[in-house]
N, C-alpha and C. Protein backbone atom coordinates (compact mmCIF):
# COMPACT_ATOMS: atom_id res chain seq x y z
N MET A 1 8.50 -20.67 49.23
CA MET A 1 9.57 -20.06 49.09
C MET A 1 10.34 -20.19 47.54
N HIS A 2 10.91 -19.37 47.24
CA HIS A 2 11.26 -19.23 45.88
C HIS A 2 12.64 -19.84 45.67
N SER A 3 12.93 -20.77 44.64
CA SER A 3 14.05 -21.60 44.37
C SER A 3 14.86 -20.85 43.46
N ASP A 4 16.17 -20.81 43.45
CA ASP A 4 17.27 -20.30 42.59
C ASP A 4 17.74 -21.18 41.65
N ILE A 5 17.06 -22.19 41.41
CA ILE A 5 17.47 -23.12 40.61
C ILE A 5 17.16 -22.61 38.99
N VAL A 6 17.87 -22.52 38.15
CA VAL A 6 17.68 -22.30 36.90
C VAL A 6 17.26 -23.47 35.98
N GLU A 7 16.23 -23.53 35.38
CA GLU A 7 15.82 -24.70 34.33
C GLU A 7 16.73 -24.44 33.05
N LEU A 8 17.24 -25.41 32.73
CA LEU A 8 18.23 -25.55 31.44
C LEU A 8 17.50 -25.70 30.42
N ASN A 9 17.59 -24.94 29.23
CA ASN A 9 16.89 -25.20 27.89
C ASN A 9 17.35 -26.77 27.31
N PRO A 10 16.29 -27.58 27.04
CA PRO A 10 16.76 -28.79 26.56
C PRO A 10 17.69 -29.02 25.23
N ASN A 11 17.15 -27.64 24.54
CA ASN A 11 17.91 -27.67 23.14
C ASN A 11 19.14 -26.80 23.29
N ARG A 12 19.83 -26.56 24.39
CA ARG A 12 21.00 -25.87 24.39
C ARG A 12 22.17 -26.15 23.54
N TRP A 13 22.13 -27.39 23.23
CA TRP A 13 23.36 -27.98 22.56
C TRP A 13 23.12 -27.54 21.07
N ARG A 14 21.94 -27.83 20.68
CA ARG A 14 21.42 -27.45 19.18
C ARG A 14 21.61 -25.97 18.81
N ILE A 15 21.33 -25.13 19.99
CA ILE A 15 21.38 -23.70 19.83
C ILE A 15 22.91 -23.53 19.56
N LEU A 16 23.68 -23.87 20.60
CA LEU A 16 25.13 -23.80 20.53
C LEU A 16 25.50 -24.11 19.14
N ALA A 17 25.25 -25.43 18.82
CA ALA A 17 25.79 -25.72 17.35
C ALA A 17 25.35 -24.76 16.26
N ALA A 18 24.09 -24.49 16.32
CA ALA A 18 23.71 -23.28 15.38
C ALA A 18 24.36 -21.97 15.32
N CYS A 19 24.58 -21.78 16.58
CA CYS A 19 25.43 -20.32 16.87
C CYS A 19 26.74 -20.35 16.32
N THR A 20 27.61 -21.64 16.48
CA THR A 20 28.64 -21.72 16.34
C THR A 20 28.87 -21.83 14.71
N LEU A 21 28.02 -22.34 13.97
CA LEU A 21 28.00 -22.80 12.32
C LEU A 21 27.80 -21.26 11.94
N ALA A 22 26.87 -20.72 12.62
CA ALA A 22 26.63 -19.19 12.12
C ALA A 22 27.69 -18.45 12.09
N ALA A 23 28.43 -18.44 13.00
CA ALA A 23 29.52 -17.62 13.40
C ALA A 23 30.88 -18.02 12.39
N MET A 24 30.76 -19.26 12.05
CA MET A 24 31.87 -19.67 11.19
C MET A 24 31.91 -19.43 9.71
N VAL A 25 30.58 -19.59 9.27
CA VAL A 25 30.42 -19.33 7.86
C VAL A 25 30.80 -18.18 7.16
N PRO A 26 30.77 -16.97 7.68
CA PRO A 26 31.04 -15.70 7.08
C PRO A 26 32.61 -15.62 7.34
N ALA A 27 33.03 -16.03 8.21
CA ALA A 27 34.46 -16.03 8.79
C ALA A 27 35.21 -16.91 7.91
N ILE A 28 34.80 -18.14 7.57
CA ILE A 28 35.88 -18.80 6.65
C ILE A 28 35.53 -18.19 5.52
N GLY A 29 34.41 -17.87 4.93
CA GLY A 29 34.39 -17.56 3.43
C GLY A 29 35.35 -16.30 3.30
N LEU A 30 35.37 -15.36 4.16
CA LEU A 30 36.08 -13.91 4.15
C LEU A 30 37.70 -14.45 4.17
N SER A 31 37.97 -15.27 4.94
CA SER A 31 39.36 -15.67 5.22
C SER A 31 40.10 -16.57 4.28
N MET A 32 39.17 -17.44 3.59
CA MET A 32 39.87 -18.47 2.59
C MET A 32 40.66 -17.66 1.51
N ILE A 33 40.65 -16.36 1.05
CA ILE A 33 41.28 -15.72 0.20
C ILE A 33 42.99 -16.14 0.44
N ALA A 34 43.35 -15.90 1.78
CA ALA A 34 44.71 -16.18 1.93
C ALA A 34 45.17 -17.43 1.42
N PHE A 35 44.19 -18.35 1.38
CA PHE A 35 44.64 -19.63 0.95
C PHE A 35 44.76 -19.91 -0.56
N ILE A 36 43.97 -19.19 -1.21
CA ILE A 36 43.68 -19.70 -2.51
C ILE A 36 44.30 -18.50 -3.37
N ALA A 37 44.99 -17.53 -2.74
CA ALA A 37 45.53 -16.21 -3.33
C ALA A 37 46.54 -16.53 -4.72
N PRO A 38 47.36 -17.53 -4.37
CA PRO A 38 48.12 -17.81 -5.71
C PRO A 38 47.46 -18.41 -6.78
N SER A 39 46.36 -19.15 -6.47
CA SER A 39 45.57 -19.69 -7.76
C SER A 39 44.70 -18.34 -8.50
N ILE A 40 44.19 -17.48 -7.55
CA ILE A 40 43.65 -16.34 -8.23
C ILE A 40 44.43 -15.55 -8.95
N GLN A 41 45.89 -15.29 -8.54
CA GLN A 41 46.73 -14.42 -9.26
C GLN A 41 46.89 -15.28 -10.74
N LYS A 42 46.98 -16.62 -10.69
CA LYS A 42 47.46 -17.22 -11.87
C LYS A 42 46.35 -17.24 -12.79
N ASN A 43 45.03 -17.57 -12.38
CA ASN A 43 43.99 -17.64 -13.11
C ASN A 43 43.48 -16.44 -13.71
N PHE A 44 43.54 -15.22 -12.88
CA PHE A 44 42.75 -14.18 -13.36
C PHE A 44 43.95 -13.19 -13.87
N GLY A 45 45.16 -13.55 -13.76
CA GLY A 45 46.42 -12.71 -14.14
C GLY A 45 46.30 -11.18 -13.32
N VAL A 46 46.15 -11.27 -12.14
CA VAL A 46 46.19 -10.10 -11.06
C VAL A 46 47.41 -9.76 -10.31
N PRO A 47 47.90 -8.61 -10.13
CA PRO A 47 49.06 -8.46 -9.30
C PRO A 47 48.73 -8.54 -7.80
N SER A 48 49.76 -8.94 -7.02
CA SER A 48 49.44 -9.12 -5.50
C SER A 48 48.69 -8.16 -4.75
N SER A 49 49.02 -6.94 -5.37
CA SER A 49 48.26 -5.94 -4.58
C SER A 49 46.53 -5.87 -4.62
N SER A 50 46.10 -6.48 -5.71
CA SER A 50 44.69 -6.89 -5.93
C SER A 50 44.25 -7.71 -5.16
N ILE A 51 45.17 -8.57 -4.57
CA ILE A 51 44.72 -9.60 -3.74
C ILE A 51 44.34 -9.22 -2.17
N GLY A 52 45.16 -8.13 -1.80
CA GLY A 52 44.88 -7.39 -0.72
C GLY A 52 43.52 -6.60 -0.72
N MET A 53 43.23 -5.93 -1.98
CA MET A 53 42.18 -5.36 -2.04
C MET A 53 40.83 -6.46 -2.07
N LEU A 54 41.07 -7.60 -2.55
CA LEU A 54 40.10 -8.65 -2.51
C LEU A 54 39.95 -9.03 -0.86
N VAL A 55 40.76 -9.14 -0.07
CA VAL A 55 40.55 -9.45 1.23
C VAL A 55 39.74 -8.24 1.94
N SER A 56 40.33 -7.04 1.68
CA SER A 56 39.69 -5.73 2.12
C SER A 56 38.14 -5.40 1.94
N ILE A 57 37.97 -5.95 0.67
CA ILE A 57 36.60 -5.46 0.31
C ILE A 57 35.54 -6.23 1.05
N GLY A 58 35.71 -7.53 1.44
CA GLY A 58 34.69 -8.35 2.42
C GLY A 58 34.64 -7.66 3.67
N LEU A 59 35.70 -7.17 4.34
CA LEU A 59 35.69 -6.61 5.54
C LEU A 59 35.36 -5.11 5.70
N LEU A 60 35.46 -4.51 4.59
CA LEU A 60 35.03 -3.32 4.52
C LEU A 60 33.62 -3.16 4.39
N VAL A 61 32.91 -3.93 3.52
CA VAL A 61 31.67 -4.08 3.22
C VAL A 61 30.57 -4.50 4.76
N LEU A 62 31.50 -5.46 5.27
CA LEU A 62 30.81 -5.97 6.59
C LEU A 62 31.01 -4.91 7.62
N SER A 63 31.76 -4.23 7.84
CA SER A 63 31.89 -3.20 8.77
C SER A 63 30.69 -2.05 8.31
N ALA A 64 30.83 -1.68 7.07
CA ALA A 64 29.73 -0.69 6.67
C ALA A 64 28.13 -0.92 6.84
N PHE A 65 27.91 -2.39 6.75
CA PHE A 65 26.49 -2.69 7.09
C PHE A 65 26.36 -3.16 8.16
N ILE A 66 27.07 -3.43 9.03
CA ILE A 66 26.89 -4.35 10.34
C ILE A 66 25.63 -3.71 11.24
N LEU A 67 25.89 -2.35 11.41
CA LEU A 67 24.80 -1.73 11.99
C LEU A 67 23.31 -1.64 11.44
N GLY A 68 23.38 -1.45 10.21
CA GLY A 68 22.12 -1.64 9.41
C GLY A 68 21.53 -3.10 9.39
N GLY A 69 22.38 -3.95 9.59
CA GLY A 69 21.88 -5.39 9.84
C GLY A 69 21.19 -5.80 11.14
N GLY A 70 21.82 -4.94 12.06
CA GLY A 70 21.41 -4.93 13.47
C GLY A 70 20.03 -4.34 13.49
N THR A 71 19.70 -3.35 12.73
CA THR A 71 18.70 -2.40 12.81
C THR A 71 17.38 -3.32 12.02
N LEU A 72 18.04 -3.83 10.72
CA LEU A 72 16.89 -4.72 10.04
C LEU A 72 16.51 -5.78 11.01
N GLY A 73 17.24 -6.61 11.93
CA GLY A 73 17.02 -7.56 12.59
C GLY A 73 16.01 -7.19 13.53
N ASP A 74 16.06 -6.07 14.28
CA ASP A 74 15.15 -5.49 15.03
C ASP A 74 13.82 -5.36 14.44
N ILE A 75 13.78 -4.83 13.39
CA ILE A 75 12.68 -4.73 12.76
C ILE A 75 11.55 -5.77 12.29
N TYR A 76 12.63 -6.72 11.28
CA TYR A 76 12.07 -7.86 10.80
C TYR A 76 12.09 -9.19 11.49
N GLY A 77 12.84 -8.99 12.55
CA GLY A 77 13.08 -10.49 13.27
C GLY A 77 14.60 -10.82 12.97
N ARG A 78 15.10 -11.02 14.24
CA ARG A 78 16.75 -11.40 14.23
C ARG A 78 16.93 -13.01 13.63
N LYS A 79 15.85 -13.91 13.91
CA LYS A 79 16.27 -15.30 13.36
C LYS A 79 15.87 -15.21 11.88
N ARG A 80 14.88 -14.53 11.29
CA ARG A 80 14.93 -14.22 9.72
C ARG A 80 16.09 -13.66 9.23
N LEU A 81 16.55 -12.67 9.76
CA LEU A 81 17.88 -12.03 9.34
C LEU A 81 19.06 -12.91 9.14
N LEU A 82 19.21 -13.63 10.24
CA LEU A 82 20.16 -14.61 10.56
C LEU A 82 20.03 -15.72 9.58
N LEU A 83 18.94 -16.24 9.12
CA LEU A 83 18.90 -17.26 8.01
C LEU A 83 19.17 -16.64 6.70
N ILE A 84 18.69 -15.19 6.40
CA ILE A 84 18.99 -14.74 5.15
C ILE A 84 20.37 -14.52 4.90
N GLY A 85 21.16 -13.91 5.97
CA GLY A 85 22.57 -13.73 6.14
C GLY A 85 23.11 -15.17 5.70
N LEU A 86 23.05 -16.26 6.13
CA LEU A 86 23.51 -17.47 6.21
C LEU A 86 23.25 -18.13 4.80
N VAL A 87 22.24 -17.75 4.28
CA VAL A 87 21.91 -18.25 2.91
C VAL A 87 22.64 -17.23 1.92
N GLY A 88 22.95 -16.12 2.30
CA GLY A 88 23.59 -15.22 1.49
C GLY A 88 25.10 -15.56 1.31
N SER A 89 25.34 -16.05 2.42
CA SER A 89 26.84 -16.36 2.69
C SER A 89 27.18 -17.67 1.90
N ILE A 90 26.22 -18.48 1.72
CA ILE A 90 26.48 -19.74 1.04
C ILE A 90 26.43 -19.29 -0.53
N ILE A 91 25.50 -18.49 -0.77
CA ILE A 91 25.44 -18.04 -2.36
C ILE A 91 26.57 -17.19 -2.54
N ALA A 92 27.20 -16.55 -1.84
CA ALA A 92 28.40 -15.80 -1.96
C ALA A 92 29.50 -16.66 -2.11
N SER A 93 29.54 -17.61 -1.36
CA SER A 93 30.70 -18.70 -1.45
C SER A 93 30.78 -19.41 -2.90
N ILE A 94 29.42 -19.74 -3.33
CA ILE A 94 29.36 -20.65 -4.82
C ILE A 94 29.43 -19.69 -5.79
N LEU A 95 29.45 -18.49 -5.67
CA LEU A 95 29.63 -17.32 -6.77
C LEU A 95 31.10 -17.11 -6.64
N SER A 96 32.01 -17.31 -5.70
CA SER A 96 33.30 -17.05 -5.48
C SER A 96 33.75 -18.11 -6.12
N ALA A 97 33.31 -19.47 -6.02
CA ALA A 97 33.91 -20.65 -6.62
C ALA A 97 33.80 -20.58 -8.02
N ALA A 98 32.74 -19.85 -8.29
CA ALA A 98 32.51 -19.80 -10.20
C ALA A 98 32.75 -18.73 -10.73
N ALA A 99 33.46 -17.92 -10.10
CA ALA A 99 34.02 -16.53 -10.60
C ALA A 99 34.72 -16.80 -12.11
N ILE A 100 34.30 -15.88 -13.01
CA ILE A 100 34.79 -15.91 -14.35
C ILE A 100 35.69 -14.88 -14.48
N SER A 101 35.82 -13.92 -13.56
CA SER A 101 36.69 -12.91 -13.76
C SER A 101 37.13 -12.11 -12.22
N PHE A 102 38.02 -11.35 -12.22
CA PHE A 102 38.36 -10.93 -11.02
C PHE A 102 37.54 -9.76 -10.37
N ASN A 103 36.94 -9.22 -11.29
CA ASN A 103 35.68 -8.29 -11.10
C ASN A 103 34.46 -9.12 -10.30
N PHE A 104 34.07 -10.00 -11.10
CA PHE A 104 33.08 -10.96 -10.55
C PHE A 104 33.42 -11.42 -9.18
N LEU A 105 34.61 -11.83 -8.90
CA LEU A 105 35.03 -12.21 -7.51
C LEU A 105 34.87 -11.16 -6.49
N LEU A 106 35.25 -9.95 -6.83
CA LEU A 106 35.23 -8.69 -5.90
C LEU A 106 33.74 -8.55 -5.74
N GLY A 107 32.84 -8.96 -6.54
CA GLY A 107 31.43 -8.57 -6.17
C GLY A 107 30.91 -9.72 -5.49
N ALA A 108 31.47 -10.77 -5.52
CA ALA A 108 31.05 -11.98 -4.59
C ALA A 108 31.46 -11.84 -3.16
N LYS A 109 32.66 -11.27 -3.03
CA LYS A 109 33.16 -10.90 -1.66
C LYS A 109 32.49 -9.88 -1.00
N ALA A 110 32.11 -8.84 -1.96
CA ALA A 110 31.24 -7.66 -1.36
C ALA A 110 29.95 -8.43 -0.83
N LEU A 111 29.22 -9.25 -1.51
CA LEU A 111 28.11 -9.89 -1.08
C LEU A 111 28.30 -10.58 -0.19
N ALA A 112 29.42 -11.31 0.32
CA ALA A 112 29.65 -12.15 1.39
C ALA A 112 29.87 -10.98 2.58
N GLY A 113 30.51 -9.98 2.27
CA GLY A 113 30.57 -9.24 3.30
C GLY A 113 29.07 -8.36 3.80
N ILE A 114 28.10 -8.31 2.91
CA ILE A 114 26.75 -7.85 3.27
C ILE A 114 26.01 -9.12 4.15
N SER A 115 26.14 -10.08 3.75
CA SER A 115 25.74 -11.44 4.15
C SER A 115 26.19 -11.49 5.73
N GLY A 116 27.44 -11.43 5.88
CA GLY A 116 28.08 -11.52 7.09
C GLY A 116 27.68 -10.34 8.06
N ALA A 117 27.39 -9.13 7.56
CA ALA A 117 26.74 -8.15 8.38
C ALA A 117 25.29 -8.36 8.95
N LEU A 118 24.69 -9.30 8.10
CA LEU A 118 23.22 -9.51 8.55
C LEU A 118 23.27 -10.76 9.63
N VAL A 119 24.51 -11.60 9.63
CA VAL A 119 24.53 -12.61 10.62
C VAL A 119 25.22 -12.17 12.00
N SER A 120 26.54 -11.41 11.79
CA SER A 120 27.07 -11.07 13.04
C SER A 120 26.42 -10.20 14.22
N PRO A 121 25.39 -9.46 13.97
CA PRO A 121 24.99 -8.66 15.19
C PRO A 121 24.41 -9.45 16.16
N TYR A 122 23.65 -10.62 15.74
CA TYR A 122 22.71 -11.64 16.46
C TYR A 122 23.54 -12.39 17.30
N LEU A 123 24.85 -12.78 16.82
CA LEU A 123 25.51 -13.72 17.76
C LEU A 123 26.03 -12.99 19.03
N TRP A 124 26.07 -11.60 18.91
CA TRP A 124 26.68 -11.22 20.10
C TRP A 124 25.62 -10.58 21.16
N LEU A 125 24.41 -10.58 20.59
CA LEU A 125 23.22 -10.13 21.23
C LEU A 125 22.59 -11.25 22.20
N SER A 126 22.68 -12.39 21.84
CA SER A 126 22.09 -13.34 22.44
C SER A 126 22.42 -13.79 23.82
């Protein structure tokens, strides 16, 4: 007789922690601009309208590349692209912290958006 008992994965808590971390890294990186906006304006001498552009660039790039990220994951493997996306998010955060100009910061936020597009598709498919 067939049993309806489902065997639980013994690593389920580690998997949950990894997925939670993977979801938070790009989101935190893209949302930190709201907290550091006054420092960006002061250090780079940009108007407040440029801060809005800085917030939008990461989300725009993420939205533009998310379907491509899913396709690449299907071709090359979801785990590989997830790890590449997480490393890219960390590199984008380091570049953002070391930005020497506003344009450099825009590029770092665009990289964060691309990295987030590599991470995001797989969190919803699992």
